[in-house]
Amino acid sequence: MEKERIKQEIMVALSMEVDGWLEEESQLKDGYSYEAALLKRVLNMGKTVMEKSAGEISSNRNKKNFIPVLARLK
């Protein structure tokens, strides 16, 4: 059941991004701003999928390598 909840959260977030894109893209006048806005949206979508499926993205680059001391003793 957990996977279904995660899937629903991802779909809601992606739907919001697509809705925002559809509103924004008609206002973009040149190719550069169109491409930059699209790239921003796609990166947000990827970040959303990763955060919803794997957890929040840490700003600490060493956090992913952290293993508690007690876990090493097992």
C-alpha atoms as a PDB file:
ATOM      1  CA  MET A   1       0.000   0.000   0.000  1.00  0.00           C
ATOM      2  CA  GLU A   2       2.957   2.292   0.647  1.00  0.00           C
ATOM      3  CA  LYS A   3       3.903   2.219  -3.048  1.00  0.00           C
ATOM      4  CA  GLU A   4       0.418   3.326  -4.076  1.00  0.00           C
ATOM      5  CA  ARG A   5       0.545   6.293  -1.687  1.00  0.00           C
ATOM      6  CA  ILE A   6       3.962   7.322  -3.001  1.00  0.00           C
ATOM      7  CA  LYS A   7       2.730   6.934  -6.577  1.00  0.00           C
ATOM      8  CA  GLN A   8      -0.273   9.150  -5.879  1.00  0.00           C
ATOM      9  CA  GLU A   9       1.919  11.838  -4.271  1.00  0.00           C
ATOM     10  CA  ILE A  10       4.266  11.787  -7.262  1.00  0.00           C
ATOM     11  CA  MET A  11       1.389  11.990  -9.729  1.00  0.00           C
ATOM     12  CA  VAL A  12      -0.172  14.955  -7.900  1.00  0.00           C
ATOM     13  CA  ALA A  13       3.154  16.818  -7.812  1.00  0.00           C
ATOM     14  CA  LEU A  14       3.863  16.094 -11.491  1.00  0.00           C
ATOM     15  CA  SER A  15       0.355  17.164 -12.447  1.00  0.00           C
ATOM     16  CA  MET A  16       0.908  20.497 -10.699  1.00  0.00           C
ATOM     17  CA  GLU A  17       4.192  20.981 -12.574  1.00  0.00           C
ATOM     18  CA  VAL A  18       2.528  20.220 -15.918  1.00  0.00           C
ATOM     19  CA  ASP A  19      -0.335  22.609 -15.150  1.00  0.00           C
ATOM     20  CA  GLY A  20       2.188  25.328 -14.286  1.00  0.00           C
ATOM     21  CA  TRP A  21       4.088  24.643 -17.496  1.00  0.00           C
ATOM     22  CA  LEU A  22       0.966  24.865 -19.628  1.00  0.00           C
ATOM     23  CA  GLU A  23       0.187  28.273 -18.155  1.00  0.00           C
ATOM     24  CA  GLU A  24       3.753  29.538 -18.446  1.00  0.00           C
ATOM     25  CA  GLU A  25       4.747  28.274 -21.894  1.00  0.00           C
ATOM     26  CA  SER A  26       2.288  30.431 -23.801  1.00  0.00           C
ATOM     27  CA  GLN A  27       3.906  33.567 -22.336  1.00  0.00           C
ATOM     28  CA  LEU A  28       7.443  32.667 -23.415  1.00  0.00           C
ATOM     29  CA  LYS A  29       8.538  34.655 -26.450  1.00  0.00           C
ATOM     30  CA  ASP A  30      11.960  33.366 -27.468  1.00  0.00           C
ATOM     31  CA  GLY A  31      13.632  29.991 -27.722  1.00  0.00           C
ATOM     32  CA  TYR A  32      16.153  30.633 -24.964  1.00  0.00           C
ATOM     33  CA  SER A  33      13.566  31.474 -22.299  1.00  0.00           C
ATOM     34  CA  TYR A  34      11.368  28.585 -23.483  1.00  0.00           C
ATOM     35  CA  GLU A  35      14.219  26.103 -23.161  1.00  0.00           C
ATOM     36  CA  ALA A  36      15.366  27.486 -19.795  1.00  0.00           C
ATOM     37  CA  ALA A  37      11.839  27.344 -18.354  1.00  0.00           C
ATOM     38  CA  LEU A  38      11.298  23.826 -19.664  1.00  0.00           C
ATOM     39  CA  LEU A  39      14.611  22.639 -18.210  1.00  0.00           C
ATOM     40  CA  LYS A  40      13.685  24.144 -14.839  1.00  0.00           C
ATOM     41  CA  ARG A  41      10.337  22.297 -14.875  1.00  0.00           C
ATOM     42  CA  VAL A  42      11.924  18.984 -15.863  1.00  0.00           C
ATOM     43  CA  LEU A  43      14.545  19.293 -13.112  1.00  0.00           C
ATOM     44  CA  ASN A  44      11.786  20.011 -10.592  1.00  0.00           C
ATOM     45  CA  MET A  45       9.918  16.922 -11.797  1.00  0.00           C
ATOM     46  CA  GLY A  46      13.006  14.745 -11.395  1.00  0.00           C
ATOM     47  CA  LYS A  47      13.683  16.159  -7.946  1.00  0.00           C
ATOM     48  CA  THR A  48      10.080  15.484  -6.937  1.00  0.00           C
ATOM     49  CA  VAL A  49      10.228  11.861  -8.081  1.00  0.00           C
ATOM     50  CA  MET A  50      13.511  11.313  -6.256  1.00  0.00           C
ATOM     51  CA  GLU A  51      12.360  12.969  -3.022  1.00  0.00           C
ATOM     52  CA  LYS A  52       9.049  11.115  -2.955  1.00  0.00           C
ATOM     53  CA  SER A  53      10.617   7.729  -3.661  1.00  0.00           C
ATOM     54  CA  ALA A  54      13.962   7.957  -1.841  1.00  0.00           C
ATOM     55  CA  GLY A  55      13.409  10.659   0.764  1.00  0.00           C
ATOM     56  CA  GLU A  56      14.465  14.278   1.079  1.00  0.00           C
ATOM     57  CA  ILE A  57      17.623  15.356  -0.736  1.00  0.00           C
ATOM     58  CA  SER A  58      20.349  16.235   1.740  1.00  0.00           C
ATOM     59  CA  SER A  59      22.557  19.268   1.312  1.00  0.00           C
ATOM     60  CA  ASN A  60      25.311  17.378   3.152  1.00  0.00           C
ATOM     61  CA  ARG A  61      27.245  15.374   0.568  1.00  0.00           C
ATOM     62  CA  ASN A  62      28.609  13.029   3.243  1.00  0.00           C
ATOM     63  CA  LYS A  63      25.206  12.072   4.643  1.00  0.00           C
ATOM     64  CA  LYS A  64      24.695   9.313   2.077  1.00  0.00           C
ATOM     65  CA  ASN A  65      27.943   7.681   3.238  1.00  0.00           C
ATOM     66  CA  PHE A  66      27.125   7.900   6.939  1.00  0.00           C
ATOM     67  CA  ILE A  67      26.881   4.514   8.652  1.00  0.00           C
ATOM     68  CA  PRO A  68      26.140   4.555  12.382  1.00  0.00           C
ATOM     69  CA  VAL A  69      28.864   2.951  14.502  1.00  0.00           C
ATOM     70  CA  LEU A  70      26.537   0.302  15.880  1.00  0.00           C
ATOM     71  CA  ALA A  71      25.532  -0.762  12.370  1.00  0.00           C
ATOM     72  CA  ARG A  72      29.186  -1.507  11.529  1.00  0.00           C
ATOM     73  CA  LEU A  73      29.455  -3.934  14.438  1.00  0.00           C
ATOM     74  CA  LYS A  74      26.788  -6.277  13.102  1.00  0.00           C
END
